[in-house]
Amino acid sequence: MEKNFTLVEIQQVSKAYGGLVALNNINLKLSAGKIIGLLGPNGSGKTTLIKLLNGLLQPEYGQILINGRRPSPETKQIVSYLPDTTYLDEHMRITEAIDFFKDFYADFDEARALHLLQDLNIELNSRIKHLSKGNKEKVQLILVMSRQALLYILDEPIGSVDPAARDYILRTIINNYSPTSSVLISTHLISDVEQILDEVIFLQYGSVIRHSDVDDLRIESGESIDELFRREFKA
């Protein structure tokens, strides 16, 4: 499979909740081999877009294609999703969480997960509820990034951890996706993640107002992505 093929195509997608428009005629093409920042203020439509990509919501208009297929059980086999809330049973031991992923996902690389967990010196028999908040976040990310997926969707992966944990999480993301896969990161902590981004999507009021290469945008604006974002979305 070649790098830079179109992995995600979003065609004229709209979604509303009880008359309130969450996404308004979105058109996007996302290539493989990229780390893409999905950025926007609260209420811009980021969560709705993520849920649509994961098949948790259906668009009212338009269509989404992931590797040529609409979101479905088939695409769940190639999409690895980290939600912004704890998704594991807190009473599970880490070993049980690994077994769960191994049983559930054919593309789960147990050796990769164990190697990354050993880096953290986390006792594998620990129950998830006994881990610090930062280590919980790391364990969940490691499980998600240990799949050999085509698309990784990470919703606020560094939102509630300290700066040292953020560095570890960003390194894990960079080192564990392949040249034929892409990572879509939704975050408010732009200055922390912009060093690893290839592209950014700015959403506002349910519309795409920018989709650009990060280096081109820095040259064009003379600002960092964080500075540009703050200026464009100034309250």
Protein backbone atom coordinates (compact mmCIF):
# COMPACT_ATOMS: atom_id res chain seq x y z
CA MET A 1 0.00 0.00 0.00
CA GLU A 2 1.42 3.37 -1.00
CA LYS A 3 1.99 6.31 1.28
CA ASN A 4 -0.11 9.43 0.60
CA PHE A 5 -3.15 7.63 -0.87
CA THR A 6 -6.50 9.13 0.19
CA LEU A 7 -7.43 7.34 3.39
CA VAL A 8 -10.49 9.35 4.45
CA GLU A 9 -12.93 11.16 2.18
CA ILE A 10 -15.67 13.32 3.71
CA GLN A 11 -18.14 14.47 1.08
CA GLN A 12 -20.73 17.22 1.79
CA VAL A 13 -21.38 15.89 5.29
CA SER A 14 -23.93 17.66 7.49
CA LYS A 15 -25.26 16.76 10.93
CA ALA A 16 -27.72 18.58 13.21
CA TYR A 17 -29.16 17.91 16.65
CA GLY A 18 -32.75 19.10 17.03
CA GLY A 19 -32.30 21.92 14.55
CA LEU A 20 -28.86 22.93 15.89
CA VAL A 21 -26.27 22.46 13.13
CA ALA A 22 -23.17 20.61 14.36
CA LEU A 23 -21.53 20.10 10.96
CA ASN A 24 -22.38 22.08 7.86
CA ASN A 25 -21.46 20.65 4.44
CA ILE A 26 -17.99 19.38 5.40
CA ASN A 27 -15.63 18.33 2.60
CA LEU A 28 -12.22 16.87 3.49
CA LYS A 29 -9.66 14.47 2.09
CA LEU A 30 -7.09 12.99 4.49
CA SER A 31 -4.02 11.25 3.10
CA ALA A 32 -2.20 8.31 4.64
CA GLY A 33 1.15 8.86 6.33
CA LYS A 34 0.11 12.05 8.15
CA ILE A 35 -0.40 13.27 11.72
CA ILE A 36 -3.32 15.69 11.50
CA GLY A 37 -4.54 18.09 14.17
CA LEU A 38 -8.32 18.57 14.43
CA LEU A 39 -8.57 21.96 16.10
CA GLY A 40 -11.40 24.28 17.05
CA PRO A 41 -13.12 25.93 20.00
CA ASN A 42 -15.78 24.13 22.06
CA GLY A 43 -18.91 23.56 20.00
CA SER A 44 -17.05 23.69 16.67
CA GLY A 45 -18.06 20.14 15.65
CA LYS A 46 -14.90 18.17 16.47
CA THR A 47 -16.63 15.54 18.63
CA THR A 48 -19.46 15.11 16.11
CA LEU A 49 -16.93 14.54 13.31
CA ILE A 50 -15.03 11.99 15.42
CA LYS A 51 -18.26 10.12 16.22
CA LEU A 52 -19.21 10.05 12.54
CA LEU A 53 -15.80 8.64 11.59
CA ASN A 54 -16.24 5.93 14.21
CA GLY A 55 -19.76 5.06 13.05
CA LEU A 56 -21.23 6.17 16.39
CA LEU A 57 -23.43 8.71 14.56
CA GLN A 58 -24.78 8.81 11.01
CA PRO A 59 -24.69 11.94 8.81
CA GLU A 60 -27.98 13.45 7.68
CA TYR A 61 -26.45 14.39 4.33
CA GLY A 62 -23.34 13.34 2.47
CA GLN A 63 -21.06 10.41 3.06
CA ILE A 64 -17.83 9.40 4.74
CA LEU A 65 -15.47 6.86 3.18
CA ILE A 66 -12.59 5.29 5.12
CA ASN A 67 -10.32 3.38 2.77
CA GLY A 68 -13.24 3.37 0.33
CA ARG A 69 -15.84 2.08 2.80
CA ARG A 70 -18.56 3.78 4.82
CA PRO A 71 -18.12 3.60 8.63
CA SER A 72 -19.27 0.10 9.60
CA PRO A 73 -18.04 -3.01 11.45
CA GLU A 74 -15.63 -3.42 8.50
CA THR A 75 -14.01 -0.02 9.08
CA LYS A 76 -13.76 -0.66 12.84
CA GLN A 77 -11.15 -3.26 11.87
CA ILE A 78 -8.91 -0.51 10.46
CA VAL A 79 -9.75 2.40 12.82
CA SER A 80 -8.21 2.55 16.30
CA TYR A 81 -10.06 5.03 18.53
CA LEU A 82 -9.01 6.62 21.81
CA PRO A 83 -12.03 8.42 23.32
CA ASP A 84 -11.63 11.34 25.72
CA THR A 85 -13.00 9.27 28.63
CA THR A 86 -11.79 6.05 30.25
CA TYR A 87 -12.91 3.18 28.04
CA LEU A 88 -11.60 0.24 30.09
CA ASP A 89 -13.22 -1.50 33.05
CA GLU A 90 -11.33 0.03 35.98
CA HIS A 91 -11.38 -3.32 37.83
CA MET A 92 -9.43 -5.02 35.03
CA ARG A 93 -5.78 -5.88 35.50
CA ILE A 94 -3.51 -4.60 32.71
CA THR A 95 -2.90 -8.20 31.61
CA GLU A 96 -6.68 -8.65 31.24
CA ALA A 97 -6.92 -5.46 29.17
CA ILE A 98 -4.19 -6.82 26.87
CA ASP A 99 -6.08 -10.12 26.53
CA PHE A 100 -9.27 -8.18 25.75
CA PHE A 101 -7.57 -6.26 22.93
CA LYS A 102 -5.92 -9.44 21.64
CA ASP A 103 -9.30 -11.22 21.47
CA PHE A 104 -11.17 -8.27 20.01
CA TYR A 105 -8.74 -6.94 17.39
CA ALA A 106 -6.97 -9.20 14.91
CA ASP A 107 -4.37 -6.45 14.27
CA PHE A 108 -3.36 -6.04 17.94
CA ASP A 109 0.41 -6.38 18.39
CA GLU A 110 0.83 -7.83 21.87
CA ALA A 111 4.64 -7.71 21.71
CA ARG A 112 4.55 -3.99 20.92
CA ALA A 113 2.15 -3.31 23.82
CA LEU A 114 4.26 -5.29 26.29
CA HIS A 115 7.44 -3.53 25.16
CA LEU A 116 5.87 -0.08 25.62
CA LEU A 117 4.40 -1.01 29.01
CA GLN A 118 7.80 -2.29 30.19
CA ASP A 119 9.24 1.15 29.30
CA LEU A 120 6.95 2.59 31.96
CA ASN A 121 7.87 0.06 34.66
CA ILE A 122 4.17 -0.55 35.26
CA GLU A 123 3.34 -3.80 37.04
CA LEU A 124 1.23 -5.75 34.55
CA ASN A 125 -0.86 -7.33 37.31
CA SER A 126 -1.92 -3.87 38.57
CA ARG A 127 -5.60 -3.07 38.39
CA ILE A 128 -6.35 -0.05 36.22
CA LYS A 129 -8.17 1.70 39.08
CA HIS A 130 -4.92 1.69 41.12
CA LEU A 131 -2.90 3.54 38.46
CA SER A 132 -2.23 7.28 38.59
CA LYS A 133 -4.23 9.38 36.13
CA GLY A 134 -1.16 9.82 33.91
CA ASN A 135 -0.41 6.09 33.83
CA LYS A 136 -4.05 5.27 33.04
CA GLU A 137 -3.85 7.64 30.05
CA LYS A 138 -0.58 6.05 28.95
CA VAL A 139 -1.91 2.48 29.23
CA GLN A 140 -5.02 3.34 27.22
CA LEU A 141 -2.96 5.06 24.52
CA ILE A 142 -0.49 2.16 24.34
CA LEU A 143 -3.33 -0.31 23.76
CA VAL A 144 -4.82 1.89 21.00
CA MET A 145 -1.43 2.53 19.33
CA SER A 146 -0.47 -1.17 19.51
CA ARG A 147 -3.03 -1.98 16.86
CA GLN A 148 -1.73 -2.06 13.29
CA ALA A 149 -4.57 0.18 12.12
CA LEU A 150 -4.84 2.47 9.10
CA LEU A 151 -6.44 5.34 11.01
CA TYR A 152 -5.83 6.28 14.66
CA ILE A 153 -8.34 8.76 16.11
CA LEU A 154 -7.19 10.28 19.39
CA ASP A 155 -9.63 12.54 21.25
CA GLU A 156 -7.75 14.77 23.74
CA PRO A 157 -4.95 12.21 24.33
CA ILE A 158 -2.91 14.60 26.52
CA GLY A 159 -5.73 16.61 28.07
CA SER A 160 -5.36 15.59 31.71
CA VAL A 161 -1.73 14.59 32.18
CA ASP A 162 1.40 16.41 33.33
CA PRO A 163 4.04 17.74 30.88
CA ALA A 164 6.37 14.74 31.32
CA ALA A 165 3.52 12.35 30.55
CA ARG A 166 2.61 14.48 27.52
CA ASP A 167 6.12 14.07 26.12
CA TYR A 168 5.91 10.29 26.56
CA ILE A 169 2.48 10.16 24.89
CA LEU A 170 3.63 12.25 21.92
CA ARG A 171 6.73 10.06 21.45
CA THR A 172 4.51 6.96 21.57
CA ILE A 173 2.26 8.40 18.86
CA ILE A 174 5.20 9.34 16.59
CA ASN A 175 6.98 6.01 16.94
CA ASN A 176 4.02 3.66 16.59
CA TYR A 177 2.15 4.55 13.44
CA SER A 178 3.23 3.28 10.03
CA PRO A 179 3.92 5.28 6.83
CA THR A 180 0.64 3.96 5.35
CA SER A 181 -1.54 5.01 8.30
CA SER A 182 -2.65 8.37 9.64
CA VAL A 183 -3.30 9.84 13.07
CA LEU A 184 -6.11 12.35 13.69
CA ILE A 185 -5.64 14.19 17.00
CA SER A 186 -8.32 16.41 18.52
CA THR A 187 -6.87 18.66 21.20
CA HIS A 188 -7.02 22.07 22.87
CA LEU A 189 -3.32 21.89 23.83
CA ILE A 190 -2.03 23.06 20.47
CA SER A 191 1.40 24.29 21.59
CA ASP A 192 2.13 20.81 23.01
CA VAL A 193 1.23 18.86 19.87
CA GLU A 194 2.08 21.19 17.00
CA GLN A 195 5.68 19.91 16.87
CA ILE A 196 4.41 16.50 15.67
CA LEU A 197 1.66 17.67 13.28
CA ASP A 198 1.91 17.49 9.47
CA GLU A 199 -1.47 19.10 8.78
CA VAL A 200 -4.15 21.00 10.66
CA ILE A 201 -7.91 21.29 10.23
CA PHE A 202 -9.55 24.34 11.83
CA LEU A 203 -13.26 23.88 12.54
CA GLN A 204 -15.63 26.68 13.56
CA TYR A 205 -19.45 26.60 13.82
CA GLY A 206 -19.47 23.22 12.09
CA SER A 207 -17.50 24.37 9.03
CA VAL A 208 -13.91 23.77 7.91
CA ILE A 209 -12.24 27.17 7.79
CA ARG A 210 -8.70 25.84 7.18
CA HIS A 211 -7.11 22.57 6.09
CA SER A 212 -3.43 23.16 5.48
CA ASP A 213 0.07 21.76 5.66
CA VAL A 214 1.60 22.94 8.94
CA ASP A 215 4.91 24.15 7.49
CA ASP A 216 3.13 26.07 4.69
CA LEU A 217 0.82 27.68 7.24
CA ARG A 218 3.71 28.78 9.47
CA ILE A 219 5.54 30.34 6.51
CA GLU A 220 2.38 32.02 5.17
CA SER A 221 1.28 33.45 8.54
CA GLY A 222 4.69 34.02 10.16
CA GLU A 223 3.23 32.51 13.34
CA SER A 224 3.17 29.22 15.15
CA ILE A 225 -0.03 27.16 14.77
CA ASP A 226 -0.88 27.99 18.39
CA GLU A 227 -0.48 31.75 17.77
CA LEU A 228 -2.51 31.58 14.57
CA PHE A 229 -5.26 29.61 16.30
CA ARG A 230 -5.44 32.10 19.19
CA ARG A 231 -5.66 35.03 16.78
CA GLU A 232 -8.31 33.45 14.54
CA PHE A 233 -10.47 32.24 17.41
CA LYS A 234 -10.01 35.17 19.77
CA ALA A 235 -13.11 35.56 21.97
